[in-house]
């Protein structure tokens, strides 16, 4: 009986955690029309490159969407970096079909397949999903993944500054 109660409580708290964390995406979508959208691009080589959609609330970056495309690859990639108070709070990796590329770079939602999702609080990884499955904090990759995603977010912010200067 105690075991069943413990399992129920864990499931209940996990559900609260998912519901709370989903607020980041819902809040963004609700406020998306209010944000200023900046579009930037950078070529990787002659047949591939990156498009960046940077959503800002006044001067604060709220989200950076990096869209990778390649004429040689039928599957394109998107990485979303959500920020609050200049700190990464959510990172999501997706794949999507090449045919949606032009729509995606306009900032219009397209069908996406989620590959990875990571929530952070105070620059600490708090939840990690890979292909829809929760990765436990005991996983040996946890600290490396936390470091990797924080470095990627800082790189996105630096890249944004660089691209802004290049386009001025």
Protein backbone atom coordinates (compact mmCIF):
# COMPACT_ATOMS: atom_id res chain seq x y z
CA UNK A 1 0.00 0.00 0.00
CA UNK A 2 2.79 2.44 0.89
CA UNK A 3 4.58 1.58 -2.34
CA UNK A 4 1.48 2.31 -4.43
CA UNK A 5 1.03 5.64 -2.64
CA UNK A 6 4.68 6.54 -3.25
CA UNK A 7 4.38 5.71 -6.96
CA UNK A 8 1.19 7.76 -7.19
CA UNK A 9 2.78 10.77 -5.50
CA UNK A 10 5.87 10.61 -7.73
CA UNK A 11 3.67 10.47 -10.83
CA UNK A 12 1.59 13.36 -9.53
CA UNK A 13 4.64 15.55 -8.83
CA UNK A 14 6.17 14.67 -12.21
CA UNK A 15 2.91 15.73 -13.85
CA UNK A 16 3.05 19.07 -12.04
CA UNK A 17 6.62 19.52 -13.20
CA UNK A 18 5.69 18.86 -16.86
CA UNK A 19 2.71 21.18 -16.64
CA UNK A 20 4.78 23.94 -15.08
CA UNK A 21 7.63 23.61 -17.55
CA UNK A 22 5.29 23.61 -20.54
CA UNK A 23 4.36 27.14 -19.46
CA UNK A 24 7.56 28.46 -21.07
CA UNK A 25 6.42 27.43 -24.54
CA UNK A 26 2.78 28.40 -23.98
CA UNK A 27 3.79 31.80 -22.61
CA UNK A 28 6.05 32.37 -25.62
CA UNK A 29 3.29 31.47 -28.12
CA UNK A 30 0.80 33.70 -26.30
CA UNK A 31 3.18 36.67 -26.37
CA UNK A 32 4.80 35.96 -29.76
CA UNK A 33 2.88 38.77 -31.56
CA UNK A 34 4.29 41.29 -29.06
CA UNK A 35 7.90 40.31 -29.64
CA UNK A 36 10.18 41.95 -32.16
CA UNK A 37 11.46 39.39 -34.67
CA UNK A 38 14.91 39.73 -36.21
CA UNK A 39 15.95 37.41 -39.03
CA UNK A 40 19.62 36.69 -39.68
CA UNK A 41 21.44 34.13 -41.80
CA UNK A 42 24.90 32.64 -42.11
CA UNK A 43 26.17 30.29 -44.79
CA UNK A 44 28.04 27.17 -43.81
CA UNK A 45 29.17 26.30 -47.32
CA UNK A 46 27.75 26.54 -50.84
CA UNK A 47 24.91 24.11 -50.12
CA UNK A 48 24.09 24.56 -46.44
CA UNK A 49 23.64 27.22 -43.82
CA UNK A 50 21.84 28.60 -40.83
CA UNK A 51 18.89 30.92 -40.46
CA UNK A 52 18.25 32.59 -37.13
CA UNK A 53 14.97 33.91 -35.83
CA UNK A 54 15.61 36.08 -32.79
CA UNK A 55 12.59 37.10 -30.74
CA UNK A 56 13.07 40.06 -28.43
CA UNK A 57 11.03 41.76 -25.75
CA UNK A 58 12.43 45.28 -26.03
CA UNK A 59 16.20 44.64 -25.74
CA UNK A 60 15.94 41.26 -24.01
CA UNK A 61 16.32 38.13 -26.12
CA UNK A 62 13.44 35.77 -25.36
CA UNK A 63 14.13 33.07 -27.93
CA UNK A 64 16.63 32.20 -30.62
CA UNK A 65 15.57 29.68 -33.24
CA UNK A 66 18.42 28.23 -35.28
CA UNK A 67 17.36 26.55 -38.51
CA UNK A 68 19.94 24.39 -40.27
CA UNK A 69 19.40 23.52 -43.92
CA UNK A 70 21.31 21.61 -46.55
CA UNK A 71 20.39 20.99 -50.17
CA UNK A 72 21.90 17.51 -49.86
CA UNK A 73 19.84 16.47 -46.82
CA UNK A 74 16.05 15.83 -46.83
CA UNK A 75 15.80 16.35 -43.05
CA UNK A 76 16.47 19.78 -41.63
CA UNK A 77 17.12 20.71 -38.00
CA UNK A 78 15.81 23.36 -35.63
CA UNK A 79 17.15 24.28 -32.23
CA UNK A 80 15.15 26.57 -29.96
CA UNK A 81 16.84 28.43 -27.12
CA UNK A 82 14.46 30.13 -24.66
CA UNK A 83 15.89 32.76 -22.32
CA UNK A 84 14.63 34.52 -19.22
CA UNK A 85 16.65 37.27 -17.57
CA UNK A 86 19.54 36.46 -19.96
CA UNK A 87 19.68 32.83 -18.76
CA UNK A 88 18.77 29.73 -20.72
CA UNK A 89 15.59 28.14 -19.37
CA UNK A 90 14.66 25.74 -22.17
CA UNK A 91 16.42 24.15 -25.13
CA UNK A 92 14.63 21.99 -27.69
CA UNK A 93 16.02 20.16 -30.72
CA UNK A 94 13.74 19.20 -33.60
CA UNK A 95 13.90 17.77 -37.09
CA UNK A 96 11.52 18.69 -39.90
CA UNK A 97 10.93 17.96 -43.56
CA UNK A 98 12.78 20.01 -46.15
CA UNK A 99 9.50 21.07 -47.82
CA UNK A 100 8.68 23.26 -44.79
CA UNK A 101 11.90 25.26 -44.90
CA UNK A 102 10.51 28.45 -46.50
CA UNK A 103 7.62 28.51 -44.04
CA UNK A 104 9.91 27.91 -41.06
CA UNK A 105 12.25 30.79 -41.88
CA UNK A 106 9.25 33.13 -42.02
CA UNK A 107 8.65 32.35 -38.35
CA UNK A 108 5.49 30.34 -39.04
CA UNK A 109 5.01 27.11 -37.11
CA UNK A 110 5.62 23.92 -39.10
CA UNK A 111 5.28 20.22 -38.22
CA UNK A 112 8.28 19.32 -36.07
CA UNK A 113 9.59 16.09 -34.59
CA UNK A 114 11.04 16.68 -31.14
CA UNK A 115 14.42 15.01 -30.63
CA UNK A 116 15.57 16.44 -27.33
CA UNK A 117 14.24 18.83 -24.69
CA UNK A 118 16.05 20.28 -21.69
CA UNK A 119 14.75 22.52 -18.92
CA UNK A 120 17.10 24.59 -16.79
CA UNK A 121 16.75 26.62 -13.61
CA UNK A 122 19.52 28.99 -12.56
CA UNK A 123 21.82 27.46 -15.21
CA UNK A 124 21.28 23.96 -13.84
CA UNK A 125 19.72 21.18 -15.89
CA UNK A 126 16.49 20.15 -14.15
CA UNK A 127 14.79 17.93 -16.73
CA UNK A 128 16.02 16.19 -19.86
CA UNK A 129 14.00 14.29 -22.42
CA UNK A 130 15.46 12.36 -25.35
CA UNK A 131 13.02 11.11 -27.98
CA UNK A 132 10.19 11.63 -25.50
CA UNK A 133 11.82 9.62 -22.70
CA UNK A 134 12.91 11.17 -19.42
CA UNK A 135 16.65 10.86 -18.76
CA UNK A 136 17.29 10.37 -15.02
CA UNK A 137 19.69 12.62 -13.13
CA UNK A 138 21.76 9.52 -12.38
CA UNK A 139 22.64 9.15 -16.08
CA UNK A 140 26.42 9.50 -16.51
CA UNK A 141 25.90 12.02 -19.36
CA UNK A 142 23.91 14.49 -17.23
CA UNK A 143 26.76 16.89 -16.28
CA UNK A 144 28.27 16.83 -19.77
CA UNK A 145 24.85 17.58 -21.29
CA UNK A 146 24.33 20.49 -18.90
CA UNK A 147 27.71 21.96 -19.83
CA UNK A 148 27.08 21.35 -23.54
CA UNK A 149 23.70 23.09 -23.59
CA UNK A 150 24.95 26.10 -21.60
CA UNK A 151 27.90 26.49 -23.97
CA UNK A 152 25.55 26.21 -26.96
CA UNK A 153 23.31 28.93 -25.52
CA UNK A 154 26.26 31.25 -24.88
CA UNK A 155 27.48 30.56 -28.40
CA UNK A 156 24.05 31.53 -29.77
CA UNK A 157 24.13 34.83 -27.91
CA UNK A 158 27.66 35.59 -29.12
CA UNK A 159 26.76 34.59 -32.66
CA UNK A 160 23.76 36.92 -32.54
CA UNK A 161 26.01 39.85 -31.60
CA UNK A 162 28.44 38.94 -34.39
CA UNK A 163 25.71 38.66 -37.02
CA UNK A 164 24.13 41.95 -35.91
CA UNK A 165 27.47 43.73 -36.34
CA UNK A 166 28.01 42.10 -39.75
CA UNK A 167 24.59 43.25 -40.97
CA UNK A 168 24.94 46.87 -39.82
